[in-house]
């Protein structure tokens, strides 16, 4: 469920040349600093609490409930960590995406809690950005990185998600296409289903070399 508004800047920025904020540090501080300024990696069950805290803050105020419960976050990060991606700055999680495997043409209600192993399709459950890092284009950059990463996984052909109407333009800019109204409803909320073909034009244009 994509209920959080994220930055609508182009997902085709230069995500591979990210620079940390400029700040004055002493040579001693530089030598003692061991954490990478910016790191992208798959999430693990150990990240579940940080994930849920960011998700809860982002979605409760908008829709009144989270796309994934803490137990569901733990379940997906245990079953299919390779379908997640987190953005860490100096060791702190600032944005994340969680996906799971799916094998039907469209998303059904059971896709909200189910993971299908060795899938042709990834169901993107949630994209969320920490409240202190919003309106900086991080949502767009993380989604771009995630889609390029998925294109490198053998057997995956597409990604599906559902979102509210106001987020449709964001995903269209990222290369998704509208499939139409989703059959899934949550607390009387209705969604549009969006589809992204992996290895398509956007990937060809900016191949990540994997």
C-alpha atoms as a PDB file:
ATOM      1  CA  UNK A   1       0.000   0.000   0.000  1.00  0.00           C
ATOM      2  CA  UNK A   2       1.549   3.254  -1.054  1.00  0.00           C
ATOM      3  CA  UNK A   3      -0.215   5.892   1.036  1.00  0.00           C
ATOM      4  CA  UNK A   4       2.704   8.171   1.806  1.00  0.00           C
ATOM      5  CA  UNK A   5       3.419  11.188  -0.394  1.00  0.00           C
ATOM      6  CA  UNK A   6       6.999  11.110  -1.573  1.00  0.00           C
ATOM      7  CA  UNK A   7       8.991  13.552  -3.669  1.00  0.00           C
ATOM      8  CA  UNK A   8       7.916  13.672  -7.305  1.00  0.00           C
ATOM      9  CA  UNK A   9      11.328  14.667  -8.650  1.00  0.00           C
ATOM     10  CA  UNK A  10      12.700  12.575 -11.516  1.00  0.00           C
ATOM     11  CA  UNK A  11      13.809   9.031 -10.599  1.00  0.00           C
ATOM     12  CA  UNK A  12      16.522   9.394 -13.244  1.00  0.00           C
ATOM     13  CA  UNK A  13      18.774  11.640 -11.223  1.00  0.00           C
ATOM     14  CA  UNK A  14      22.349  10.461 -10.784  1.00  0.00           C
ATOM     15  CA  UNK A  15      21.908   8.069  -7.866  1.00  0.00           C
ATOM     16  CA  UNK A  16      25.382   6.616  -8.191  1.00  0.00           C
ATOM     17  CA  UNK A  17      27.094   9.925  -7.375  1.00  0.00           C
ATOM     18  CA  UNK A  18      25.503  10.806  -4.061  1.00  0.00           C
ATOM     19  CA  UNK A  19      27.369  13.239  -1.831  1.00  0.00           C
ATOM     20  CA  UNK A  20      26.951  13.530   1.938  1.00  0.00           C
ATOM     21  CA  UNK A  21      26.057  16.936   3.380  1.00  0.00           C
ATOM     22  CA  UNK A  22      29.038  19.278   3.535  1.00  0.00           C
ATOM     23  CA  UNK A  23      30.141  19.882   7.099  1.00  0.00           C
ATOM     24  CA  UNK A  24      33.309  20.826   8.870  1.00  0.00           C
ATOM     25  CA  UNK A  25      35.049  17.933  10.644  1.00  0.00           C
ATOM     26  CA  UNK A  26      38.465  17.715  12.204  1.00  0.00           C
ATOM     27  CA  UNK A  27      41.117  15.311  10.819  1.00  0.00           C
ATOM     28  CA  UNK A  28      40.714  13.255  14.011  1.00  0.00           C
ATOM     29  CA  UNK A  29      36.986  12.913  13.410  1.00  0.00           C
ATOM     30  CA  UNK A  30      37.651  11.893   9.814  1.00  0.00           C
ATOM     31  CA  UNK A  31      40.044   9.145  10.894  1.00  0.00           C
ATOM     32  CA  UNK A  32      37.593   7.796  13.477  1.00  0.00           C
ATOM     33  CA  UNK A  33      34.640   7.804  11.093  1.00  0.00           C
ATOM     34  CA  UNK A  34      34.170   4.232   9.838  1.00  0.00           C
ATOM     35  CA  UNK A  35      30.548   4.136   8.713  1.00  0.00           C
ATOM     36  CA  UNK A  36      29.834   4.786   5.008  1.00  0.00           C
ATOM     37  CA  UNK A  37      28.250   8.164   4.314  1.00  0.00           C
ATOM     38  CA  UNK A  38      25.648   6.532   2.055  1.00  0.00           C
ATOM     39  CA  UNK A  39      24.950   2.830   1.638  1.00  0.00           C
ATOM     40  CA  UNK A  40      22.277   0.779  -0.113  1.00  0.00           C
ATOM     41  CA  UNK A  41      21.737  -2.827   0.988  1.00  0.00           C
ATOM     42  CA  UNK A  42      19.126  -5.513   1.486  1.00  0.00           C
ATOM     43  CA  UNK A  43      17.308  -5.353   4.795  1.00  0.00           C
ATOM     44  CA  UNK A  44      17.455  -8.080   7.437  1.00  0.00           C
ATOM     45  CA  UNK A  45      15.148  -9.041  10.330  1.00  0.00           C
ATOM     46  CA  UNK A  46      17.479  -7.002  12.566  1.00  0.00           C
ATOM     47  CA  UNK A  47      16.320  -3.893  10.673  1.00  0.00           C
ATOM     48  CA  UNK A  48      12.626  -4.598  11.323  1.00  0.00           C
ATOM     49  CA  UNK A  49      12.198  -2.225  14.277  1.00  0.00           C
ATOM     50  CA  UNK A  50      13.775   0.713  12.404  1.00  0.00           C
ATOM     51  CA  UNK A  51      11.648  -0.094   9.355  1.00  0.00           C
ATOM     52  CA  UNK A  52       8.435  -0.241  11.352  1.00  0.00           C
ATOM     53  CA  UNK A  53       9.145   2.987  13.237  1.00  0.00           C
ATOM     54  CA  UNK A  54       9.638   4.901   9.970  1.00  0.00           C
ATOM     55  CA  UNK A  55       6.574   3.255   8.418  1.00  0.00           C
ATOM     56  CA  UNK A  56       4.370   3.917  11.438  1.00  0.00           C
ATOM     57  CA  UNK A  57       5.271   7.610  11.597  1.00  0.00           C
ATOM     58  CA  UNK A  58       4.747   8.034   7.858  1.00  0.00           C
ATOM     59  CA  UNK A  59       1.427   6.274   7.445  1.00  0.00           C
ATOM     60  CA  UNK A  60      -0.547   6.508  10.682  1.00  0.00           C
ATOM     61  CA  UNK A  61      -1.113  10.242  10.248  1.00  0.00           C
ATOM     62  CA  UNK A  62      -2.206   9.780   6.615  1.00  0.00           C
ATOM     63  CA  UNK A  63      -4.317   6.629   6.528  1.00  0.00           C
ATOM     64  CA  UNK A  64      -4.630   5.625  10.164  1.00  0.00           C
ATOM     65  CA  UNK A  65      -2.835   2.311   9.709  1.00  0.00           C
ATOM     66  CA  UNK A  66       0.425   0.860   8.408  1.00  0.00           C
ATOM     67  CA  UNK A  67       0.701  -1.123   5.163  1.00  0.00           C
ATOM     68  CA  UNK A  68       2.656  -3.798   7.063  1.00  0.00           C
ATOM     69  CA  UNK A  69       2.463  -4.788  10.711  1.00  0.00           C
ATOM     70  CA  UNK A  70       5.707  -5.380  12.586  1.00  0.00           C
ATOM     71  CA  UNK A  71       5.084  -9.131  12.336  1.00  0.00           C
ATOM     72  CA  UNK A  72       4.592  -8.856   8.566  1.00  0.00           C
ATOM     73  CA  UNK A  73       7.780  -6.802   8.241  1.00  0.00           C
ATOM     74  CA  UNK A  74       9.668  -9.520  10.134  1.00  0.00           C
ATOM     75  CA  UNK A  75       8.065 -12.220   7.998  1.00  0.00           C
ATOM     76  CA  UNK A  76       9.013 -10.634   4.663  1.00  0.00           C
ATOM     77  CA  UNK A  77      12.528  -9.735   5.803  1.00  0.00           C
ATOM     78  CA  UNK A  78      12.975 -13.366   6.884  1.00  0.00           C
ATOM     79  CA  UNK A  79      11.426 -14.985   3.799  1.00  0.00           C
ATOM     80  CA  UNK A  80      12.637 -12.686   1.031  1.00  0.00           C
ATOM     81  CA  UNK A  81      15.248 -10.155   2.228  1.00  0.00           C
ATOM     82  CA  UNK A  82      16.618 -10.050  -1.321  1.00  0.00           C
ATOM     83  CA  UNK A  83      13.428  -8.239  -2.407  1.00  0.00           C
ATOM     84  CA  UNK A  84      14.017  -5.354  -0.008  1.00  0.00           C
ATOM     85  CA  UNK A  85      16.335  -2.371  -0.192  1.00  0.00           C
ATOM     86  CA  UNK A  86      17.341   0.081   2.512  1.00  0.00           C
ATOM     87  CA  UNK A  87      19.175   3.386   2.241  1.00  0.00           C
ATOM     88  CA  UNK A  88      21.478   4.020   5.186  1.00  0.00           C
ATOM     89  CA  UNK A  89      23.336   7.236   5.953  1.00  0.00           C
ATOM     90  CA  UNK A  90      26.125   6.893   8.516  1.00  0.00           C
ATOM     91  CA  UNK A  91      24.572   3.632   9.632  1.00  0.00           C
ATOM     92  CA  UNK A  92      21.040   4.999  10.106  1.00  0.00           C
ATOM     93  CA  UNK A  93      18.114   3.827   7.978  1.00  0.00           C
ATOM     94  CA  UNK A  94      16.628   6.816   6.125  1.00  0.00           C
ATOM     95  CA  UNK A  95      14.443   5.143   3.478  1.00  0.00           C
ATOM     96  CA  UNK A  96      13.386   1.650   2.486  1.00  0.00           C
ATOM     97  CA  UNK A  97      11.370  -0.517   0.114  1.00  0.00           C
ATOM     98  CA  UNK A  98       9.933  -3.925   0.976  1.00  0.00           C
ATOM     99  CA  UNK A  99       8.741  -6.352  -1.675  1.00  0.00           C
ATOM    100  CA  UNK A 100       7.657  -9.979  -1.901  1.00  0.00           C
ATOM    101  CA  UNK A 101       7.181 -12.553  -4.626  1.00  0.00           C
ATOM    102  CA  UNK A 102       3.936 -12.959  -6.570  1.00  0.00           C
ATOM    103  CA  UNK A 103       2.826 -15.208  -9.449  1.00  0.00           C
ATOM    104  CA  UNK A 104      -0.569 -13.956 -10.659  1.00  0.00           C
ATOM    105  CA  UNK A 105      -1.393 -11.456 -13.393  1.00  0.00           C
ATOM    106  CA  UNK A 106      -2.774  -8.930 -10.901  1.00  0.00           C
ATOM    107  CA  UNK A 107      -2.466  -8.416  -7.170  1.00  0.00           C
ATOM    108  CA  UNK A 108      -5.129 -10.102  -5.045  1.00  0.00           C
ATOM    109  CA  UNK A 109      -5.972  -9.605  -1.392  1.00  0.00           C
ATOM    110  CA  UNK A 110      -3.740 -12.514  -0.344  1.00  0.00           C
ATOM    111  CA  UNK A 111      -0.757 -10.790  -1.952  1.00  0.00           C
ATOM    112  CA  UNK A 112      -0.761  -8.394   1.004  1.00  0.00           C
ATOM    113  CA  UNK A 113       0.622 -11.066   3.340  1.00  0.00           C
ATOM    114  CA  UNK A 114       1.955 -13.798   1.043  1.00  0.00           C
ATOM    115  CA  UNK A 115       5.378 -14.453  -0.488  1.00  0.00           C
ATOM    116  CA  UNK A 116       5.706 -16.778  -3.490  1.00  0.00           C
ATOM    117  CA  UNK A 117       9.228 -18.239  -3.861  1.00  0.00           C
ATOM    118  CA  UNK A 118      11.069 -17.985  -7.205  1.00  0.00           C
ATOM    119  CA  UNK A 119       8.508 -15.514  -8.550  1.00  0.00           C
ATOM    120  CA  UNK A 120       8.190 -13.839 -11.961  1.00  0.00           C
ATOM    121  CA  UNK A 121       6.748 -10.738 -10.264  1.00  0.00           C
ATOM    122  CA  UNK A 122       7.686  -8.580  -7.292  1.00  0.00           C
ATOM    123  CA  UNK A 123       4.902  -7.017  -5.261  1.00  0.00           C
ATOM    124  CA  UNK A 124       6.174  -3.730  -3.825  1.00  0.00           C
ATOM    125  CA  UNK A 125       4.408  -3.351  -0.489  1.00  0.00           C
ATOM    126  CA  UNK A 126       5.785  -0.101   0.833  1.00  0.00           C
ATOM    127  CA  UNK A 127       8.218   2.703   0.063  1.00  0.00           C
ATOM    128  CA  UNK A 128       8.837   5.019   2.995  1.00  0.00           C
ATOM    129  CA  UNK A 129      11.252   7.830   3.843  1.00  0.00           C
ATOM    130  CA  UNK A 130      12.232   9.031   7.320  1.00  0.00           C
ATOM    131  CA  UNK A 131      10.444  12.251   8.270  1.00  0.00           C
ATOM    132  CA  UNK A 132      13.718  14.209   8.485  1.00  0.00           C
ATOM    133  CA  UNK A 133      14.717  13.171   4.940  1.00  0.00           C
ATOM    134  CA  UNK A 134      11.575  13.940   2.947  1.00  0.00           C
ATOM    135  CA  UNK A 135      11.275  16.431   0.111  1.00  0.00           C
ATOM    136  CA  UNK A 136      14.885  15.685  -0.876  1.00  0.00           C
ATOM    137  CA  UNK A 137      14.224  13.309  -3.783  1.00  0.00           C
ATOM    138  CA  UNK A 138      15.207  10.256  -1.740  1.00  0.00           C
ATOM    139  CA  UNK A 139      12.031   8.357  -2.602  1.00  0.00           C
ATOM    140  CA  UNK A 140      12.712   8.753  -6.322  1.00  0.00           C
ATOM    141  CA  UNK A 141      16.373   7.793  -6.033  1.00  0.00           C
ATOM    142  CA  UNK A 142      15.690   4.734  -3.889  1.00  0.00           C
ATOM    143  CA  UNK A 143      12.962   3.521  -6.249  1.00  0.00           C
ATOM    144  CA  UNK A 144      15.287   3.956  -9.236  1.00  0.00           C
ATOM    145  CA  UNK A 145      18.016   1.955  -7.498  1.00  0.00           C
ATOM    146  CA  UNK A 146      15.540  -0.745  -6.486  1.00  0.00           C
ATOM    147  CA  UNK A 147      14.148  -1.222  -9.984  1.00  0.00           C
ATOM    148  CA  UNK A 148      17.646  -1.489 -11.462  1.00  0.00           C
ATOM    149  CA  UNK A 149      18.557  -3.993  -8.754  1.00  0.00           C
ATOM    150  CA  UNK A 150      15.462  -6.106  -9.542  1.00  0.00           C
ATOM    151  CA  UNK A 151      16.429  -6.099 -13.216  1.00  0.00           C
ATOM    152  CA  UNK A 152      19.583  -7.997 -12.232  1.00  0.00           C
ATOM    153  CA  UNK A 153      17.712 -10.869 -10.534  1.00  0.00           C
ATOM    154  CA  UNK A 154      17.196 -13.815 -12.934  1.00  0.00           C
ATOM    155  CA  UNK A 155      13.593 -14.766 -13.548  1.00  0.00           C
ATOM    156  CA  UNK A 156      12.007 -11.501 -12.487  1.00  0.00           C
ATOM    157  CA  UNK A 157       9.981  -9.894 -15.267  1.00  0.00           C
ATOM    158  CA  UNK A 158       7.976  -7.120 -13.629  1.00  0.00           C
ATOM    159  CA  UNK A 159       7.010  -5.258 -10.473  1.00  0.00           C
ATOM    160  CA  UNK A 160       3.475  -4.528  -9.301  1.00  0.00           C
ATOM    161  CA  UNK A 161       2.131  -2.186  -6.645  1.00  0.00           C
ATOM    162  CA  UNK A 162      -1.050  -0.487  -5.573  1.00  0.00           C
ATOM    163  CA  UNK A 163      -1.268   3.184  -4.659  1.00  0.00           C
ATOM    164  CA  UNK A 164      -3.761   5.938  -4.058  1.00  0.00           C
ATOM    165  CA  UNK A 165      -4.662   8.242  -6.936  1.00  0.00           C
ATOM    166  CA  UNK A 166      -2.467  11.138  -5.777  1.00  0.00           C
ATOM    167  CA  UNK A 167       0.668   8.940  -6.096  1.00  0.00           C
ATOM    168  CA  UNK A 168      -0.042   7.766  -9.654  1.00  0.00           C
ATOM    169  CA  UNK A 169       1.983  10.622 -11.273  1.00  0.00           C
ATOM    170  CA  UNK A 170       5.005   9.763  -9.102  1.00  0.00           C
ATOM    171  CA  UNK A 171       5.032   6.162 -10.291  1.00  0.00           C
ATOM    172  CA  UNK A 172       4.316   7.115 -13.897  1.00  0.00           C
ATOM    173  CA  UNK A 173       7.481   9.245 -13.839  1.00  0.00           C
ATOM    174  CA  UNK A 174       9.384   6.237 -12.506  1.00  0.00           C
ATOM    175  CA  UNK A 175       8.342   4.181 -15.546  1.00  0.00           C
ATOM    176  CA  UNK A 176       5.270   2.385 -14.206  1.00  0.00           C
ATOM    177  CA  UNK A 177       2.066   2.026 -16.220  1.00  0.00           C
ATOM    178  CA  UNK A 178      -1.490   2.058 -14.923  1.00  0.00           C
ATOM    179  CA  UNK A 179      -3.310  -1.282 -14.985  1.00  0.00           C
ATOM    180  CA  UNK A 180      -6.546   0.142 -13.608  1.00  0.00           C
ATOM    181  CA  UNK A 181      -8.429  -0.027 -10.309  1.00  0.00           C
ATOM    182  CA  UNK A 182      -7.146  -2.671  -7.897  1.00  0.00           C
ATOM    183  CA  UNK A 183      -9.433  -5.350  -6.479  1.00  0.00           C
ATOM    184  CA  UNK A 184      -7.716  -4.800  -3.122  1.00  0.00           C
ATOM    185  CA  UNK A 185      -9.324  -2.515  -0.576  1.00  0.00           C
ATOM    186  CA  UNK A 186      -8.159  -1.665   2.927  1.00  0.00           C
ATOM    187  CA  UNK A 187     -10.377   0.166   5.436  1.00  0.00           C
ATOM    188  CA  UNK A 188     -12.602   1.431   2.598  1.00  0.00           C
ATOM    189  CA  UNK A 189      -9.556   2.829   0.782  1.00  0.00           C
ATOM    190  CA  UNK A 190      -9.331   2.129  -2.945  1.00  0.00           C
ATOM    191  CA  UNK A 191      -6.203   1.908  -5.065  1.00  0.00           C
ATOM    192  CA  UNK A 192      -4.810   1.913  -8.571  1.00  0.00           C
ATOM    193  CA  UNK A 193      -2.630  -0.990  -9.658  1.00  0.00           C
ATOM    194  CA  UNK A 194       0.663  -0.038 -11.337  1.00  0.00           C
ATOM    195  CA  UNK A 195       3.055  -2.215 -13.343  1.00  0.00           C
ATOM    196  CA  UNK A 196       6.754  -1.854 -14.220  1.00  0.00           C
ATOM    197  CA  UNK A 197       8.399  -4.085 -16.831  1.00  0.00           C
ATOM    198  CA  UNK A 198      11.881  -5.039 -15.682  1.00  0.00           C
ATOM    199  CA  UNK A 199      14.637  -4.743 -18.249  1.00  0.00           C
ATOM    200  CA  UNK A 200      12.580  -2.252 -20.241  1.00  0.00           C
ATOM    201  CA  UNK A 201      13.480   1.062 -21.833  1.00  0.00           C
ATOM    202  CA  UNK A 202      14.549   2.812 -18.628  1.00  0.00           C
ATOM    203  CA  UNK A 203      16.964   0.003 -17.792  1.00  0.00           C
ATOM    204  CA  UNK A 204      18.423  -0.086 -21.303  1.00  0.00           C
ATOM    205  CA  UNK A 205      19.008   3.637 -21.211  1.00  0.00           C
ATOM    206  CA  UNK A 206      20.891   3.581 -17.929  1.00  0.00           C
ATOM    207  CA  UNK A 207      22.313   0.073 -17.518  1.00  0.00           C
ATOM    208  CA  UNK A 208      23.806  -0.470 -14.061  1.00  0.00           C
ATOM    209  CA  UNK A 209      26.441  -2.867 -15.370  1.00  0.00           C
ATOM    210  CA  UNK A 210      25.255  -5.917 -13.457  1.00  0.00           C
END
